[in-house]
C-alpha atoms as a PDB file:
ATOM      1  CA  MET A   1      63.999 -48.887 -34.971  1.00  0.00           C
ATOM      2  CA  ALA A   2      62.879 -46.379 -32.236  1.00  0.00           C
ATOM      3  CA  ASN A   3      65.542 -45.026 -29.883  1.00  0.00           C
ATOM      4  CA  GLY A   4      64.578 -45.880 -26.282  1.00  0.00           C
ATOM      5  CA  ASN A   5      66.470 -42.823 -25.018  1.00  0.00           C
ATOM      6  CA  THR A   6      64.277 -40.276 -26.832  1.00  0.00           C
ATOM      7  CA  VAL A   7      60.877 -38.827 -25.963  1.00  0.00           C
ATOM      8  CA  SER A   8      58.156 -38.802 -28.566  1.00  0.00           C
ATOM      9  CA  ASN A   9      56.572 -35.566 -29.704  1.00  0.00           C
ATOM     10  CA  GLY A  10      53.315 -36.638 -28.067  1.00  0.00           C
ATOM     11  CA  GLU A  11      54.942 -37.334 -24.709  1.00  0.00           C
ATOM     12  CA  TYR A  12      56.872 -34.072 -24.855  1.00  0.00           C
ATOM     13  CA  LEU A  13      53.709 -32.116 -25.657  1.00  0.00           C
ATOM     14  CA  GLN A  14      51.821 -33.777 -22.780  1.00  0.00           C
ATOM     15  CA  ALA A  15      54.655 -33.079 -20.311  1.00  0.00           C
ATOM     16  CA  THR A  16      54.777 -29.458 -21.455  1.00  0.00           C
ATOM     17  CA  GLN A  17      51.048 -29.019 -21.002  1.00  0.00           C
ATOM     18  CA  GLU A  18      51.039 -30.608 -17.531  1.00  0.00           C
ATOM     19  CA  LEU A  19      53.990 -28.500 -16.370  1.00  0.00           C
ATOM     20  CA  THR A  20      52.413 -25.323 -17.737  1.00  0.00           C
ATOM     21  CA  LYS A  21      49.171 -26.169 -15.964  1.00  0.00           C
ATOM     22  CA  ALA A  22      50.998 -26.878 -12.667  1.00  0.00           C
ATOM     23  CA  VAL A  23      52.985 -23.629 -12.852  1.00  0.00           C
ATOM     24  CA  ALA A  24      49.853 -21.692 -13.760  1.00  0.00           C
ATOM     25  CA  SER A  25      48.068 -23.193 -10.744  1.00  0.00           C
ATOM     26  CA  LYS A  26      50.843 -22.061  -8.423  1.00  0.00           C
ATOM     27  CA  ILE A  27      50.927 -18.601  -9.985  1.00  0.00           C
ATOM     28  CA  ARG A  28      47.148 -18.347  -9.670  1.00  0.00           C
ATOM     29  CA  TYR A  29      47.304 -19.443  -6.011  1.00  0.00           C
ATOM     30  CA  LEU A  30      50.028 -16.923  -5.162  1.00  0.00           C
ATOM     31  CA  GLN A  31      48.260 -14.144  -7.052  1.00  0.00           C
ATOM     32  CA  THR A  32      45.026 -14.896  -5.198  1.00  0.00           C
ATOM     33  CA  LEU A  33      46.870 -14.839  -1.868  1.00  0.00           C
ATOM     34  CA  ALA A  34      48.696 -11.631  -2.765  1.00  0.00           C
ATOM     35  CA  THR A  35      45.415  -9.979  -3.763  1.00  0.00           C
ATOM     36  CA  ALA A  36      43.760 -11.128  -0.525  1.00  0.00           C
ATOM     37  CA  ILE A  37      46.596  -9.606   1.480  1.00  0.00           C
ATOM     38  CA  ASP A  38      46.549  -6.425  -0.588  1.00  0.00           C
ATOM     39  CA  ASN A  39      42.790  -6.137  -0.025  1.00  0.00           C
ATOM     40  CA  LYS A  40      43.229  -6.948   3.690  1.00  0.00           C
ATOM     41  CA  ASN A  41      40.917  -9.926   3.280  1.00  0.00           C
ATOM     42  CA  ASP A  42      42.138 -11.962   6.249  1.00  0.00           C
ATOM     43  CA  ARG A  43      39.271 -14.428   5.967  1.00  0.00           C
ATOM     44  CA  LEU A  44      40.394 -15.464   2.505  1.00  0.00           C
ATOM     45  CA  VAL A  45      44.018 -15.614   3.639  1.00  0.00           C
ATOM     46  CA  TYR A  46      43.044 -18.092   6.350  1.00  0.00           C
ATOM     47  CA  GLN A  47      41.149 -20.166   3.815  1.00  0.00           C
ATOM     48  CA  LEU A  48      44.060 -20.185   1.383  1.00  0.00           C
ATOM     49  CA  ILE A  49      46.787 -21.126   3.861  1.00  0.00           C
ATOM     50  CA  ASP A  50      44.867 -23.926   5.615  1.00  0.00           C
ATOM     51  CA  GLY A  51      42.008 -25.169   3.452  1.00  0.00           C
ATOM     52  CA  ASP A  52      41.331 -28.295   5.497  1.00  0.00           C
ATOM     53  CA  ARG A  53      40.876 -26.392   8.752  1.00  0.00           C
ATOM     54  CA  TYR A  54      38.692 -23.808   7.041  1.00  0.00           C
ATOM     55  CA  SER A  55      36.497 -26.491   5.461  1.00  0.00           C
ATOM     56  CA  GLU A  56      36.110 -28.390   8.717  1.00  0.00           C
ATOM     57  CA  GLN A  57      35.506 -25.426  11.009  1.00  0.00           C
ATOM     58  CA  ILE A  58      33.685 -22.938   8.773  1.00  0.00           C
ATOM     59  CA  ILE A  59      32.093 -24.786   5.867  1.00  0.00           C
ATOM     60  CA  GLN A  60      31.772 -27.935   7.989  1.00  0.00           C
ATOM     61  CA  ALA A  61      32.389 -30.092   4.944  1.00  0.00           C
ATOM     62  CA  ARG A  62      33.250 -33.759   5.282  1.00  0.00           C
ATOM     63  CA  HIS A  63      36.050 -33.485   2.766  1.00  0.00           C
ATOM     64  CA  GLY A  64      38.533 -30.645   3.013  1.00  0.00           C
ATOM     65  CA  SER A  65      39.373 -28.274   0.189  1.00  0.00           C
ATOM     66  CA  ALA A  66      43.058 -28.042   0.999  1.00  0.00           C
ATOM     67  CA  ASP A  67      45.462 -27.325  -1.814  1.00  0.00           C
ATOM     68  CA  VAL A  68      48.400 -28.767   0.102  1.00  0.00           C
ATOM     69  CA  ASP A  69      50.998 -28.473  -2.647  1.00  0.00           C
ATOM     70  CA  ASN A  70      50.251 -24.808  -3.157  1.00  0.00           C
ATOM     71  CA  GLU A  71      49.873 -24.140   0.568  1.00  0.00           C
ATOM     72  CA  ASN A  72      53.419 -25.435   1.002  1.00  0.00           C
ATOM     73  CA  LEU A  73      54.605 -22.617  -1.249  1.00  0.00           C
ATOM     74  CA  VAL A  74      54.256 -20.191   1.653  1.00  0.00           C
ATOM     75  CA  SER A  75      55.585 -22.427   4.427  1.00  0.00           C
ATOM     76  CA  ASP A  76      58.881 -20.531   4.450  1.00  0.00           C
ATOM     77  CA  ILE A  77      57.115 -17.202   5.047  1.00  0.00           C
ATOM     78  CA  ALA A  78      54.820 -18.470   7.823  1.00  0.00           C
ATOM     79  CA  ALA A  79      56.320 -15.991  10.305  1.00  0.00           C
ATOM     80  CA  LYS A  80      55.601 -13.060   7.967  1.00  0.00           C
ATOM     81  CA  LEU A  81      52.046 -14.305   7.378  1.00  0.00           C
ATOM     82  CA  SER A  82      51.584 -14.643  11.120  1.00  0.00           C
ATOM     83  CA  GLN A  83      52.840 -11.103  11.657  1.00  0.00           C
ATOM     84  CA  TYR A  84      50.420  -9.769   9.045  1.00  0.00           C
ATOM     85  CA  LEU A  85      47.436 -11.703  10.461  1.00  0.00           C
ATOM     86  CA  SER A  86      48.220 -10.709  14.059  1.00  0.00           C
ATOM     87  CA  THR A  87      46.861  -7.156  13.766  1.00  0.00           C
ATOM     88  CA  ASN A  88      43.199  -8.053  13.346  1.00  0.00           C
ATOM     89  CA  LEU A  89      43.372 -11.171  15.518  1.00  0.00           C
ATOM     90  CA  LEU A  90      44.884  -9.310  18.483  1.00  0.00           C
ATOM     91  CA  ALA A  91      42.228  -6.600  18.143  1.00  0.00           C
ATOM     92  CA  TYR A  92      39.539  -9.279  18.284  1.00  0.00           C
ATOM     93  CA  LEU A  93      41.145 -11.015  21.267  1.00  0.00           C
ATOM     94  CA  ALA A  94      41.408  -7.729  23.177  1.00  0.00           C
ATOM     95  CA  GLU A  95      37.612  -7.489  23.016  1.00  0.00           C
ATOM     96  CA  THR A  96      36.797 -11.149  23.561  1.00  0.00           C
ATOM     97  CA  TYR A  97      39.445 -11.992  26.173  1.00  0.00           C
ATOM     98  CA  PRO A  98      40.187  -8.625  27.839  1.00  0.00           C
ATOM     99  CA  PHE A  99      42.126 -10.331  30.645  1.00  0.00           C
ATOM    100  CA  PHE A 100      44.768 -11.752  28.269  1.00  0.00           C
ATOM    101  CA  TYR A 101      47.764  -9.524  27.558  1.00  0.00           C
ATOM    102  CA  PHE A 102      49.933 -10.398  24.573  1.00  0.00           C
ATOM    103  CA  GLU A 103      53.663  -9.869  24.154  1.00  0.00           C
ATOM    104  CA  GLN A 104      55.544 -10.295  20.892  1.00  0.00           C
ATOM    105  CA  ILE A 105      58.696 -12.361  21.366  1.00  0.00           C
ATOM    106  CA  ASP A 106      59.700 -12.821  17.717  1.00  0.00           C
ATOM    107  CA  LEU A 107      58.434 -12.138  14.224  1.00  0.00           C
ATOM    108  CA  GLY A 108      54.840 -13.363  14.157  1.00  0.00           C
ATOM    109  CA  LYS A 109      55.245 -15.072  17.534  1.00  0.00           C
ATOM    110  CA  PHE A 110      53.312 -14.034  20.625  1.00  0.00           C
ATOM    111  CA  GLN A 111      53.010 -15.224  24.199  1.00  0.00           C
ATOM    112  CA  PHE A 112      50.300 -14.066  26.575  1.00  0.00           C
ATOM    113  CA  TYR A 113      49.817 -13.374  30.267  1.00  0.00           C
ATOM    114  CA  PHE A 114      46.706 -13.638  32.381  1.00  0.00           C
ATOM    115  CA  GLY A 115      45.970 -10.193  33.809  1.00  0.00           C
ATOM    116  CA  ASN A 116      47.863  -6.935  34.111  1.00  0.00           C
ATOM    117  CA  TRP A 117      48.353  -7.157  37.855  1.00  0.00           C
ATOM    118  CA  TRP A 118      51.604  -7.597  39.744  1.00  0.00           C
ATOM    119  CA  ASP A 119      53.256 -11.012  39.392  1.00  0.00           C
ATOM    120  CA  ARG A 120      50.775 -12.134  36.739  1.00  0.00           C
ATOM    121  CA  ARG A 121      51.195 -15.582  35.236  1.00  0.00           C
ATOM    122  CA  LEU A 122      52.616 -16.390  31.800  1.00  0.00           C
ATOM    123  CA  PHE A 123      49.710 -18.415  30.457  1.00  0.00           C
ATOM    124  CA  GLY A 124      50.823 -19.700  27.058  1.00  0.00           C
ATOM    125  CA  GLU A 125      51.440 -18.858  23.407  1.00  0.00           C
ATOM    126  CA  LEU A 126      49.163 -17.794  20.564  1.00  0.00           C
ATOM    127  CA  ASN A 127      49.256 -19.649  17.246  1.00  0.00           C
ATOM    128  CA  ILE A 128      48.281 -16.885  14.825  1.00  0.00           C
ATOM    129  CA  ILE A 129      48.041 -19.110  11.750  1.00  0.00           C
ATOM    130  CA  LYS A 130      45.610 -21.488  13.460  1.00  0.00           C
ATOM    131  CA  ALA A 131      43.973 -18.768  15.586  1.00  0.00           C
ATOM    132  CA  GLN A 132      44.486 -20.999  18.592  1.00  0.00           C
ATOM    133  CA  PHE A 133      45.647 -20.655  22.186  1.00  0.00           C
ATOM    134  CA  ILE A 134      48.444 -22.980  23.289  1.00  0.00           C
ATOM    135  CA  PHE A 135      48.010 -22.914  27.053  1.00  0.00           C
ATOM    136  CA  ASP A 136      50.785 -23.756  29.471  1.00  0.00           C
ATOM    137  CA  PRO A 137      49.515 -27.151  30.722  1.00  0.00           C
ATOM    138  CA  ALA A 138      50.582 -26.656  34.338  1.00  0.00           C
ATOM    139  CA  GLU A 139      49.181 -23.126  34.647  1.00  0.00           C
ATOM    140  CA  TYR A 140      45.934 -24.035  32.910  1.00  0.00           C
ATOM    141  CA  GLU A 141      45.439 -27.059  35.188  1.00  0.00           C
ATOM    142  CA  LYS A 142      45.821 -24.828  38.257  1.00  0.00           C
ATOM    143  CA  LEU A 143      43.001 -22.609  37.012  1.00  0.00           C
ATOM    144  CA  ARG A 144      40.771 -25.548  36.094  1.00  0.00           C
ATOM    145  CA  ARG A 145      41.388 -27.186  39.466  1.00  0.00           C
ATOM    146  CA  ALA A 146      40.656 -23.925  41.305  1.00  0.00           C
ATOM    147  CA  PHE A 147      37.209 -23.760  39.708  1.00  0.00           C
ATOM    148  CA  GLU A 148      36.631 -27.430  40.528  1.00  0.00           C
ATOM    149  CA  LEU A 149      37.426 -26.871  44.217  1.00  0.00           C
ATOM    150  CA  GLU A 150      34.816 -24.127  44.525  1.00  0.00           C
ATOM    151  CA  SER A 151      32.148 -26.731  45.313  1.00  0.00           C
ATOM    152  CA  GLN A 152      34.201 -27.722  48.376  1.00  0.00           C
ATOM    153  CA  SER A 153      34.665 -24.099  49.462  1.00  0.00           C
ATOM    154  CA  LYS A 154      38.400 -24.573  49.007  1.00  0.00           C
ATOM    155  CA  ARG A 155      41.117 -22.695  47.212  1.00  0.00           C
ATOM    156  CA  LEU A 156      43.783 -24.351  45.091  1.00  0.00           C
ATOM    157  CA  ASN A 157      46.395 -24.439  47.861  1.00  0.00           C
ATOM    158  CA  SER A 158      44.133 -24.873  50.897  1.00  0.00           C
ATOM    159  CA  ASN A 159      45.388 -28.378  51.669  1.00  0.00           C
ATOM    160  CA  LYS A 160      49.054 -27.466  51.219  1.00  0.00           C
ATOM    161  CA  ILE A 161      48.707 -24.390  53.410  1.00  0.00           C
ATOM    162  CA  GLY A 162      46.870 -26.422  56.057  1.00  0.00           C
ATOM    163  CA  MET A 163      49.609 -29.049  56.076  1.00  0.00           C
ATOM    164  CA  LEU A 164      52.382 -26.450  56.369  1.00  0.00           C
ATOM    165  CA  SER A 165      50.527 -24.612  59.150  1.00  0.00           C
ATOM    166  CA  SER A 166      50.055 -27.852  61.070  1.00  0.00           C
ATOM    167  CA  GLN A 167      53.747 -28.643  60.658  1.00  0.00           C
ATOM    168  CA  ALA A 168      54.642 -25.167  61.928  1.00  0.00           C
ATOM    169  CA  ASP A 169      52.469 -25.707  65.006  1.00  0.00           C
ATOM    170  CA  GLN A 170      54.262 -28.982  65.709  1.00  0.00           C
ATOM    171  CA  LEU A 171      57.652 -27.324  65.329  1.00  0.00           C
ATOM    172  CA  GLN A 172      56.639 -24.490  67.641  1.00  0.00           C
ATOM    173  CA  ALA A 173      55.423 -27.008  70.209  1.00  0.00           C
ATOM    174  CA  LEU A 174      58.825 -28.704  69.947  1.00  0.00           C
ATOM    175  CA  ILE A 175      60.537 -25.406  70.713  1.00  0.00           C
ATOM    176  CA  ASP A 176      58.175 -24.583  73.571  1.00  0.00           C
ATOM    177  CA  SER A 177      58.712 -27.978  75.245  1.00  0.00           C
ATOM    178  CA  GLN A 178      62.492 -27.560  75.574  1.00  0.00           C
ATOM    179  CA  GLU A 179      62.374 -26.922  79.310  1.00  0.00           C
ATOM    180  CA  GLN A 180      60.179 -29.981  79.856  1.00  0.00           C
ATOM    181  CA  ARG A 181      62.593 -32.162  77.866  1.00  0.00           C
ATOM    182  CA  ASP A 182      65.555 -30.845  79.859  1.00  0.00           C
ATOM    183  CA  GLY A 183      63.817 -31.903  83.057  1.00  0.00           C
ATOM    184  CA  GLU A 184      63.052 -35.364  81.694  1.00  0.00           C
ATOM    185  CA  LYS A 185      66.642 -35.817  80.539  1.00  0.00           C
ATOM    186  CA  GLU A 186      67.941 -34.872  83.974  1.00  0.00           C
ATOM    187  CA  LYS A 187      65.669 -37.458  85.629  1.00  0.00           C
ATOM    188  CA  ILE A 188      66.794 -40.156  83.199  1.00  0.00           C
ATOM    189  CA  ARG A 189      70.469 -39.365  83.838  1.00  0.00           C
ATOM    190  CA  LEU A 190      69.899 -39.643  87.578  1.00  0.00           C
ATOM    191  CA  GLN A 191      68.139 -42.981  87.079  1.00  0.00           C
ATOM    192  CA  LEU A 192      71.037 -44.248  84.925  1.00  0.00           C
ATOM    193  CA  LYS A 193      73.546 -43.073  87.547  1.00  0.00           C
ATOM    194  CA  LYS A 194      71.594 -44.782  90.298  1.00  0.00           C
ATOM    195  CA  ALA A 195      71.277 -47.995  88.269  1.00  0.00           C
ATOM    196  CA  ALA A 196      75.053 -47.998  87.657  1.00  0.00           C
ATOM    197  CA  GLN A 197      75.727 -47.786  91.404  1.00  0.00           C
ATOM    198  CA  GLU A 198      73.310 -50.543  92.418  1.00  0.00           C
ATOM    199  CA  LYS A 199      74.484 -54.115  92.825  1.00  0.00           C
ATOM    200  CA  VAL A 200      72.394 -56.533  90.809  1.00  0.00           C
ATOM    201  CA  MET A 201      72.025 -60.236  91.535  1.00  0.00           C
ATOM    202  CA  PRO A 202      72.931 -62.531  88.638  1.00  0.00           C
ATOM    203  CA  TRP A 203      69.343 -63.631  88.039  1.00  0.00           C
ATOM    204  CA  GLU A 204      68.243 -59.970  87.844  1.00  0.00           C
ATOM    205  CA  ALA A 205      70.995 -58.894  85.410  1.00  0.00           C
ATOM    206  CA  SER A 206      68.927 -59.405  82.250  1.00  0.00           C
ATOM    207  CA  LYS A 207      65.999 -57.426  83.617  1.00  0.00           C
ATOM    208  CA  ALA A 208      68.295 -54.622  84.825  1.00  0.00           C
ATOM    209  CA  LYS A 209      70.021 -54.455  81.433  1.00  0.00           C
ATOM    210  CA  GLU A 210      66.671 -54.169  79.665  1.00  0.00           C
ATOM    211  CA  ALA A 211      65.545 -51.389  82.009  1.00  0.00           C
ATOM    212  CA  LYS A 212      68.813 -49.508  81.411  1.00  0.00           C
ATOM    213  CA  GLN A 213      68.403 -49.815  77.628  1.00  0.00           C
ATOM    214  CA  GLN A 214      64.905 -48.365  77.845  1.00  0.00           C
ATOM    215  CA  LEU A 215      66.272 -45.354  79.711  1.00  0.00           C
ATOM    216  CA  VAL A 216      69.035 -44.936  77.125  1.00  0.00           C
ATOM    217  CA  ASN A 217      66.458 -45.088  74.324  1.00  0.00           C
ATOM    218  CA  GLN A 218      64.319 -42.451  76.045  1.00  0.00           C
ATOM    219  CA  LEU A 219      67.341 -40.190  76.453  1.00  0.00           C
ATOM    220  CA  SER A 220      68.307 -40.705  72.817  1.00  0.00           C
ATOM    221  CA  ASN A 221      64.777 -39.838  71.669  1.00  0.00           C
ATOM    222  CA  LEU A 222      64.764 -36.639  73.737  1.00  0.00           C
ATOM    223  CA  THR A 223      68.171 -35.683  72.309  1.00  0.00           C
ATOM    224  CA  GLU A 224      66.852 -36.167  68.774  1.00  0.00           C
ATOM    225  CA  GLN A 225      63.939 -33.864  69.594  1.00  0.00           C
ATOM    226  CA  ASP A 226      66.454 -31.291  70.842  1.00  0.00           C
ATOM    227  CA  GLU A 227      68.287 -31.430  67.520  1.00  0.00           C
ATOM    228  CA  LYS A 228      65.004 -30.980  65.640  1.00  0.00           C
ATOM    229  CA  ALA A 229      64.105 -28.063  67.886  1.00  0.00           C
ATOM    230  CA  GLN A 230      67.417 -26.379  67.053  1.00  0.00           C
ATOM    231  CA  ASP A 231      66.459 -26.510  63.338  1.00  0.00           C
ATOM    232  CA  ALA A 232      62.807 -25.702  63.987  1.00  0.00           C
ATOM    233  CA  TYR A 233      63.223 -21.919  63.747  1.00  0.00           C
ATOM    234  CA  ARG A 234      64.632 -22.213  60.216  1.00  0.00           C
ATOM    235  CA  LEU A 235      61.924 -24.672  59.190  1.00  0.00           C
ATOM    236  CA  ILE A 236      59.198 -22.404  60.558  1.00  0.00           C
ATOM    237  CA  LYS A 237      60.589 -19.480  58.542  1.00  0.00           C
ATOM    238  CA  ASP A 238      60.752 -21.670  55.432  1.00  0.00           C
ATOM    239  CA  ASN A 239      57.153 -22.756  55.983  1.00  0.00           C
ATOM    240  CA  GLU A 240      56.034 -19.149  56.440  1.00  0.00           C
ATOM    241  CA  LYS A 241      57.676 -18.275  53.138  1.00  0.00           C
ATOM    242  CA  LYS A 242      55.997 -21.214  51.368  1.00  0.00           C
ATOM    243  CA  VAL A 243      52.602 -20.338  52.852  1.00  0.00           C
ATOM    244  CA  LEU A 244      53.029 -16.736  51.677  1.00  0.00           C
ATOM    245  CA  GLU A 245      53.860 -17.875  48.142  1.00  0.00           C
ATOM    246  CA  LEU A 246      50.917 -20.282  48.043  1.00  0.00           C
ATOM    247  CA  SER A 247      48.579 -17.605  49.409  1.00  0.00           C
ATOM    248  CA  LYS A 248      49.766 -15.162  46.734  1.00  0.00           C
ATOM    249  CA  GLU A 249      49.111 -17.787  44.070  1.00  0.00           C
ATOM    250  CA  ASP A 250      45.608 -18.349  45.428  1.00  0.00           C
ATOM    251  CA  THR A 251      45.012 -14.596  45.341  1.00  0.00           C
ATOM    252  CA  LEU A 252      46.165 -14.314  41.716  1.00  0.00           C
ATOM    253  CA  ILE A 253      44.057 -17.277  40.659  1.00  0.00           C
ATOM    254  CA  GLY A 254      41.162 -15.613  42.468  1.00  0.00           C
ATOM    255  CA  TYR A 255      41.614 -12.578  40.202  1.00  0.00           C
ATOM    256  CA  GLU A 256      41.660 -14.878  37.179  1.00  0.00           C
ATOM    257  CA  LYS A 257      38.458 -16.618  38.262  1.00  0.00           C
ATOM    258  CA  GLN A 258      36.720 -13.280  38.770  1.00  0.00           C
ATOM    259  CA  SER A 259      37.820 -12.135  35.294  1.00  0.00           C
ATOM    260  CA  ILE A 260      36.491 -15.284  33.624  1.00  0.00           C
ATOM    261  CA  ILE A 261      33.174 -15.198  35.493  1.00  0.00           C
ATOM    262  CA  ALA A 262      32.712 -11.500  34.684  1.00  0.00           C
ATOM    263  CA  LYS A 263      33.218 -12.129  30.956  1.00  0.00           C
ATOM    264  CA  PHE A 264      31.911 -15.658  30.381  1.00  0.00           C
ATOM    265  CA  GLY A 265      29.879 -16.558  33.456  1.00  0.00           C
ATOM    266  CA  SER A 266      31.573 -19.903  34.052  1.00  0.00           C
ATOM    267  CA  PHE A 267      34.756 -21.831  33.375  1.00  0.00           C
ATOM    268  CA  ASP A 268      32.886 -24.239  31.097  1.00  0.00           C
ATOM    269  CA  ALA A 269      31.745 -21.337  28.924  1.00  0.00           C
ATOM    270  CA  PHE A 270      35.302 -19.992  28.837  1.00  0.00           C
ATOM    271  CA  GLU A 271      36.645 -23.385  27.727  1.00  0.00           C
ATOM    272  CA  ALA A 272      33.997 -23.674  25.029  1.00  0.00           C
ATOM    273  CA  ARG A 273      34.876 -20.235  23.633  1.00  0.00           C
ATOM    274  CA  CYS A 274      38.579 -21.056  23.598  1.00  0.00           C
ATOM    275  CA  GLU A 275      37.794 -24.272  21.746  1.00  0.00           C
ATOM    276  CA  SER A 276      35.789 -22.410  19.094  1.00  0.00           C
ATOM    277  CA  LEU A 277      38.199 -19.462  18.746  1.00  0.00           C
ATOM    278  CA  TYR A 278      39.076 -20.128  15.100  1.00  0.00           C
ATOM    279  CA  ARG A 279      35.442 -20.501  14.070  1.00  0.00           C
ATOM    280  CA  ASP A 280      34.324 -17.480  16.093  1.00  0.00           C
ATOM    281  CA  TYR A 281      37.099 -15.303  14.708  1.00  0.00           C
ATOM    282  CA  ILE A 282      36.433 -16.178  11.069  1.00  0.00           C
ATOM    283  CA  ALA A 283      32.736 -15.484  11.675  1.00  0.00           C
ATOM    284  CA  ASP A 284      33.711 -12.101  13.109  1.00  0.00           C
ATOM    285  CA  LEU A 285      35.840 -11.322  10.034  1.00  0.00           C
ATOM    286  CA  ILE A 286      32.876 -12.137   7.829  1.00  0.00           C
ATOM    287  CA  ALA A 287      30.480 -10.060   9.937  1.00  0.00           C
ATOM    288  CA  THR A 288      32.782  -7.019  10.119  1.00  0.00           C
ATOM    289  CA  ASN A 289      34.025  -7.305   6.532  1.00  0.00           C
ATOM    290  CA  GLY A 290      37.556  -7.775   7.761  1.00  0.00           C
ATOM    291  CA  ARG A 291      37.757  -5.620  10.914  1.00  0.00           C
ATOM    292  CA  MET A 292      40.652  -3.430   9.735  1.00  0.00           C
ATOM    293  CA  ASN A 293      38.585  -2.134   6.829  1.00  0.00           C
ATOM    294  CA  THR A 294      35.850  -1.053   9.247  1.00  0.00           C
ATOM    295  CA  ASN A 295      38.335   0.819  11.424  1.00  0.00           C
ATOM    296  CA  GLU A 296      40.014   2.814   8.713  1.00  0.00           C
END
């Protein structure tokens, strides 16, 4: 009678063969990756660490060639891989996007700014492994919107600046009309004093009360305007500061627009190139035989 707790020689042999094959596959994968790195073959490294993306973008195959199990072997050294791959990628980006300036913030991790001018904008992060820009959504939308407004001969903050300027004019008018309000208040007080001294017949009491309330309301409204006028100087200064900040932002975005037009001709062309960055970069690695090798 066979013991159900034992494994037959055939099953043991099959398990041994399958395990040996699996280990050999992983060793072969790691050796291939190590050789690619040793030979500075970044194109092959990209293919090995993300087969699906490579197949879709470069080979344009319907079915990916990803070796997910083996690719997971290097997931814990992604930062080191990113650091290694950054050298050639940053060199390529410096040529293709000369207005982007990259700053390393951790091992294999980079953020980038738009421009090298004063008060430049932090524009996003760079995913080295995917050769992909991760734009700051808010900052990118400002740039996109600025290009869109060109057809209306407007800048990004034209409406905001116009609104603040109009508000400042209203506040200044409130300040300038102080003397006029003082005169109106004096007249109303005299009218109220006169009304208080006049004798009113019973049948005219309701009408007199209504007239008095109207005068009180007018006086109250003028007093409220006085209070606003007292705060108007501060509000005008605040508005001037906001307008200055918005104008500076428009100026910086103007620099960005000029940089994009000078390099790509249009915002649409810039967007298309950003979208195809991975494909364009791998093609460049193929064409230059790995960039670093050609610069040695």
